[in-house]
Amino acid sequence: MRKIGWGVVALFLAAFAVFESVKYGVPTTVAALAFFALIDLSRLAGVRPPGALYQAVHRVWIPLVVLVGYSFGPIVWPPLFTAALGWLTRIALERTLAPQSRRLA
């Protein structure tokens, strides 16, 4: 059941990121795609489990804080919002597709 929930969240976030990218243009698209690939980029940079940086890029609360802070704060820069959407989409997708034993808390 949990995997289905993460799958629904991943689809919603991906659709929202596409909507925002179409609405605001190329910089938002680049930001969303770059942060969607953040986990792979960190892996290429040599970040391996169980390090603090590895854990940070896999935590839901970091991009969620960015999304909420952006929504209620004074900052108006759409690439920041879509970057957080892309990052959170990737986390949700990984939690949907990961085997039960590999899934992060």
Protein backbone atom coordinates (compact mmCIF):
# COMPACT_ATOMS: atom_id res chain seq x y z
CA MET A 1 0.00 0.00 0.00
CA ARG A 2 2.84 2.37 0.84
CA LYS A 3 4.43 1.88 -2.59
CA ILE A 4 1.13 2.76 -4.29
CA GLY A 5 0.93 5.94 -2.22
CA TRP A 6 4.48 6.93 -3.18
CA GLY A 7 3.63 6.16 -6.82
CA VAL A 8 0.61 8.48 -6.73
CA VAL A 9 2.72 11.21 -5.11
CA ALA A 10 5.45 10.74 -7.75
CA LEU A 11 2.92 11.09 -10.59
CA PHE A 12 1.36 14.18 -9.05
CA LEU A 13 4.74 15.84 -8.45
CA ALA A 14 5.95 15.02 -11.97
CA ALA A 15 2.78 16.49 -13.48
CA PHE A 16 3.11 19.59 -11.29
CA ALA A 17 6.77 20.00 -12.33
CA VAL A 18 5.81 19.75 -16.01
CA PHE A 19 3.03 22.30 -15.49
CA GLU A 20 5.41 24.76 -13.80
CA SER A 21 8.08 24.16 -16.44
CA VAL A 22 5.67 24.93 -19.28
CA LYS A 23 4.37 27.96 -17.42
CA TYR A 24 7.79 29.52 -16.61
CA GLY A 25 10.07 28.25 -19.38
CA VAL A 26 13.52 26.80 -19.83
CA PRO A 27 15.21 27.81 -16.52
CA THR A 28 12.53 26.00 -14.52
CA THR A 29 12.80 22.93 -16.76
CA VAL A 30 16.57 22.81 -16.32
CA ALA A 31 16.23 23.19 -12.55
CA ALA A 32 13.63 20.42 -12.30
CA LEU A 33 15.68 18.02 -14.43
CA ALA A 34 18.94 18.82 -12.63
CA PHE A 35 17.46 18.18 -9.22
CA PHE A 36 15.64 15.10 -10.49
CA ALA A 37 19.12 13.79 -11.37
CA LEU A 38 20.66 15.07 -8.11
CA ILE A 39 20.77 11.62 -6.55
CA ASP A 40 22.62 10.20 -9.57
CA LEU A 41 24.95 13.20 -9.67
CA SER A 42 25.79 12.74 -6.01
CA ARG A 43 26.53 9.08 -6.67
CA LEU A 44 28.85 10.03 -9.54
CA ALA A 45 30.62 12.45 -7.21
CA GLY A 46 31.49 9.54 -4.95
CA VAL A 47 28.80 10.00 -2.30
CA ARG A 48 28.03 6.54 -0.95
CA PRO A 49 25.85 5.21 1.85
CA PRO A 50 25.66 5.57 4.83
CA GLY A 51 27.23 9.05 4.74
CA ALA A 52 25.46 12.22 5.86
CA LEU A 53 25.36 13.69 2.35
CA TYR A 54 23.90 10.48 0.94
CA GLN A 55 21.20 10.55 3.59
CA ALA A 56 20.51 14.24 2.93
CA VAL A 57 19.77 13.79 -0.77
CA HIS A 58 17.37 10.94 0.03
CA ARG A 59 15.33 12.71 2.71
CA VAL A 60 11.85 13.95 1.88
CA TRP A 61 11.81 16.79 4.36
CA ILE A 62 14.57 18.85 2.69
CA PRO A 63 12.82 19.50 -0.64
CA LEU A 64 9.50 19.66 1.21
CA VAL A 65 10.80 22.51 3.40
CA VAL A 66 11.96 24.31 0.24
CA LEU A 67 8.50 23.91 -1.35
CA VAL A 68 6.64 25.12 1.73
CA GLY A 69 9.11 27.93 2.38
CA TYR A 70 8.85 29.08 -1.23
CA SER A 71 5.04 28.93 -1.15
CA PHE A 72 4.72 31.05 1.98
CA GLY A 73 7.93 33.09 1.86
CA PRO A 74 8.94 36.28 0.09
CA ILE A 75 11.16 34.57 -2.51
CA VAL A 76 9.79 34.60 -6.05
CA TRP A 77 12.12 32.55 -8.23
CA PRO A 78 10.29 29.70 -10.02
CA PRO A 79 13.43 27.59 -10.74
CA LEU A 80 13.83 27.10 -6.98
CA PHE A 81 10.29 25.73 -6.73
CA THR A 82 10.66 23.38 -9.71
CA ALA A 83 14.06 22.21 -8.45
CA ALA A 84 12.40 21.10 -5.22
CA LEU A 85 9.58 19.48 -7.23
CA GLY A 86 12.10 17.55 -9.31
CA TRP A 87 14.04 16.45 -6.23
CA LEU A 88 10.92 15.31 -4.38
CA THR A 89 9.65 13.54 -7.51
CA ARG A 90 12.87 11.54 -7.69
CA ILE A 91 12.66 10.57 -4.02
CA ALA A 92 9.03 9.47 -4.43
CA LEU A 93 9.89 7.52 -7.57
CA GLU A 94 12.77 5.73 -5.85
CA ARG A 95 10.56 4.82 -2.91
CA THR A 96 7.98 3.49 -5.34
CA LEU A 97 10.42 1.33 -7.31
CA ALA A 98 12.87 0.29 -4.59
CA PRO A 99 12.72 -3.26 -3.26
CA GLN A 100 11.26 -3.50 0.22
CA SER A 101 14.63 -4.19 1.87
CA ARG A 102 16.36 -1.21 0.19
CA ARG A 103 13.72 1.39 0.92
CA LEU A 104 14.81 4.31 3.08
CA ALA A 105 12.90 5.37 6.16
